[in-house]
Amino acid sequence: MRYGNVSPMQTNLTASLRGEIRAEMARQGLTRHSLASATDMSVWALGRALSGSRDFGFSEVADVAAALGIPAHELIARAERAA
């Protein structure tokens, strides 16, 4: 669910970010369980964020990027290029 005025660009960026995280998980052979255990997110919260049922928080993006071994700015830049 989205609250307030969310631009199409923001929606595309968040969808691209989810896609980039899923793609990197696939490249590294990571499951939701393994990524969740490497962050402070529960498997349930990670699954909802990856599916788009909820957005990733800023600190969650940083934690996920660190767990993937990618600087957060690089993960966001990839999503921006794909959006």
C-alpha atoms as a PDB file:
ATOM      1  CA  MET A   1       0.000   0.000   0.000  1.00  0.00           C
ATOM      2  CA  ARG A   2       1.301   3.449  -0.897  1.00  0.00           C
ATOM      3  CA  TYR A   3       0.662   6.544   1.165  1.00  0.00           C
ATOM      4  CA  GLY A   4       0.689  10.148   0.031  1.00  0.00           C
ATOM      5  CA  ASN A   5       1.783  11.352  -3.360  1.00  0.00           C
ATOM      6  CA  VAL A   6       4.151   8.838  -4.890  1.00  0.00           C
ATOM      7  CA  SER A   7       5.438   9.696  -8.327  1.00  0.00           C
ATOM      8  CA  PRO A   8       5.694   7.105 -11.104  1.00  0.00           C
ATOM      9  CA  MET A   9       9.476   7.568 -10.983  1.00  0.00           C
ATOM     10  CA  GLN A  10       9.545   6.622  -7.292  1.00  0.00           C
ATOM     11  CA  THR A  11       7.361   3.602  -8.003  1.00  0.00           C
ATOM     12  CA  ASN A  12       9.649   2.535 -10.874  1.00  0.00           C
ATOM     13  CA  LEU A  13      12.737   3.024  -8.728  1.00  0.00           C
ATOM     14  CA  THR A  14      11.403   0.917  -5.871  1.00  0.00           C
ATOM     15  CA  ALA A  15      10.371  -1.817  -8.320  1.00  0.00           C
ATOM     16  CA  SER A  16      13.827  -1.670  -9.920  1.00  0.00           C
ATOM     17  CA  LEU A  17      15.483  -1.854  -6.519  1.00  0.00           C
ATOM     18  CA  ARG A  18      13.520  -4.997  -5.682  1.00  0.00           C
ATOM     19  CA  GLY A  19      14.521  -6.448  -9.045  1.00  0.00           C
ATOM     20  CA  GLU A  20      18.189  -5.645  -8.514  1.00  0.00           C
ATOM     21  CA  ILE A  21      18.156  -7.267  -5.079  1.00  0.00           C
ATOM     22  CA  ARG A  22      16.456 -10.394  -6.456  1.00  0.00           C
ATOM     23  CA  ALA A  23      18.914 -10.530  -9.382  1.00  0.00           C
ATOM     24  CA  GLU A  24      21.917 -10.248  -7.077  1.00  0.00           C
ATOM     25  CA  MET A  25      20.458 -12.909  -4.804  1.00  0.00           C
ATOM     26  CA  ALA A  26      20.150 -15.204  -7.829  1.00  0.00           C
ATOM     27  CA  ARG A  27      23.715 -14.454  -8.990  1.00  0.00           C
ATOM     28  CA  GLN A  28      25.014 -15.352  -5.538  1.00  0.00           C
ATOM     29  CA  GLY A  29      22.691 -18.318  -5.053  1.00  0.00           C
ATOM     30  CA  LEU A  30      21.117 -16.776  -1.947  1.00  0.00           C
ATOM     31  CA  THR A  31      17.683 -17.624  -0.619  1.00  0.00           C
ATOM     32  CA  ARG A  32      15.370 -15.296   1.258  1.00  0.00           C
ATOM     33  CA  HIS A  33      16.224 -17.231   4.409  1.00  0.00           C
ATOM     34  CA  SER A  34      19.971 -16.808   3.952  1.00  0.00           C
ATOM     35  CA  LEU A  35      19.696 -13.101   3.115  1.00  0.00           C
ATOM     36  CA  ALA A  36      17.337 -12.462   6.027  1.00  0.00           C
ATOM     37  CA  SER A  37      19.696 -14.205   8.436  1.00  0.00           C
ATOM     38  CA  ALA A  38      22.527 -11.939   7.225  1.00  0.00           C
ATOM     39  CA  THR A  39      20.448  -8.817   7.979  1.00  0.00           C
ATOM     40  CA  ASP A  40      18.192  -7.675  10.795  1.00  0.00           C
ATOM     41  CA  MET A  41      15.094  -8.461   8.710  1.00  0.00           C
ATOM     42  CA  SER A  42      12.781 -11.368   9.304  1.00  0.00           C
ATOM     43  CA  VAL A  43      12.147 -13.729   6.403  1.00  0.00           C
ATOM     44  CA  TRP A  44       8.544 -12.498   6.404  1.00  0.00           C
ATOM     45  CA  ALA A  45       9.531  -8.800   6.187  1.00  0.00           C
ATOM     46  CA  LEU A  46      12.127  -9.496   3.500  1.00  0.00           C
ATOM     47  CA  GLY A  47       9.622 -11.486   1.464  1.00  0.00           C
ATOM     48  CA  ARG A  48       7.041  -8.697   1.695  1.00  0.00           C
ATOM     49  CA  ALA A  49       9.625  -6.094   0.656  1.00  0.00           C
ATOM     50  CA  LEU A  50      10.835  -8.216  -2.261  1.00  0.00           C
ATOM     51  CA  SER A  51       7.268  -8.799  -3.450  1.00  0.00           C
ATOM     52  CA  GLY A  52       6.353  -5.115  -3.209  1.00  0.00           C
ATOM     53  CA  SER A  53       3.810  -5.547  -0.424  1.00  0.00           C
ATOM     54  CA  ARG A  54       5.921  -3.071   1.553  1.00  0.00           C
ATOM     55  CA  ASP A  55       8.861  -0.841   0.737  1.00  0.00           C
ATOM     56  CA  PHE A  56      12.395  -1.335   1.976  1.00  0.00           C
ATOM     57  CA  GLY A  57      13.426   1.179   4.615  1.00  0.00           C
ATOM     58  CA  PHE A  58      16.649   3.098   4.091  1.00  0.00           C
ATOM     59  CA  SER A  59      18.512   1.128   6.762  1.00  0.00           C
ATOM     60  CA  GLU A  60      17.162  -2.120   5.304  1.00  0.00           C
ATOM     61  CA  VAL A  61      18.578  -1.230   1.879  1.00  0.00           C
ATOM     62  CA  ALA A  62      21.941  -0.561   3.530  1.00  0.00           C
ATOM     63  CA  ASP A  63      21.787  -3.858   5.457  1.00  0.00           C
ATOM     64  CA  VAL A  64      20.758  -5.859   2.389  1.00  0.00           C
ATOM     65  CA  ALA A  65      23.479  -4.255   0.263  1.00  0.00           C
ATOM     66  CA  ALA A  66      26.087  -5.043   2.917  1.00  0.00           C
ATOM     67  CA  ALA A  67      24.891  -8.648   3.127  1.00  0.00           C
ATOM     68  CA  LEU A  68      25.169  -8.873  -0.667  1.00  0.00           C
ATOM     69  CA  GLY A  69      28.680  -7.406  -0.535  1.00  0.00           C
ATOM     70  CA  ILE A  70      27.704  -4.364  -2.604  1.00  0.00           C
ATOM     71  CA  PRO A  71      27.910  -0.724  -1.507  1.00  0.00           C
ATOM     72  CA  ALA A  72      24.385   0.625  -1.033  1.00  0.00           C
ATOM     73  CA  HIS A  73      25.056   3.468  -3.468  1.00  0.00           C
ATOM     74  CA  GLU A  74      25.969   0.923  -6.168  1.00  0.00           C
ATOM     75  CA  LEU A  75      22.794  -1.073  -5.599  1.00  0.00           C
ATOM     76  CA  ILE A  76      20.721   2.118  -5.824  1.00  0.00           C
ATOM     77  CA  ALA A  77      22.627   3.263  -8.929  1.00  0.00           C
ATOM     78  CA  ARG A  78      21.873  -0.068 -10.625  1.00  0.00           C
ATOM     79  CA  ALA A  79      18.187   0.363  -9.796  1.00  0.00           C
ATOM     80  CA  GLU A  80      18.214   3.929 -11.145  1.00  0.00           C
ATOM     81  CA  ARG A  81      19.752   2.786 -14.435  1.00  0.00           C
ATOM     82  CA  ALA A  82      17.145   0.029 -14.751  1.00  0.00           C
ATOM     83  CA  ALA A  83      14.179   2.256 -13.844  1.00  0.00           C
END
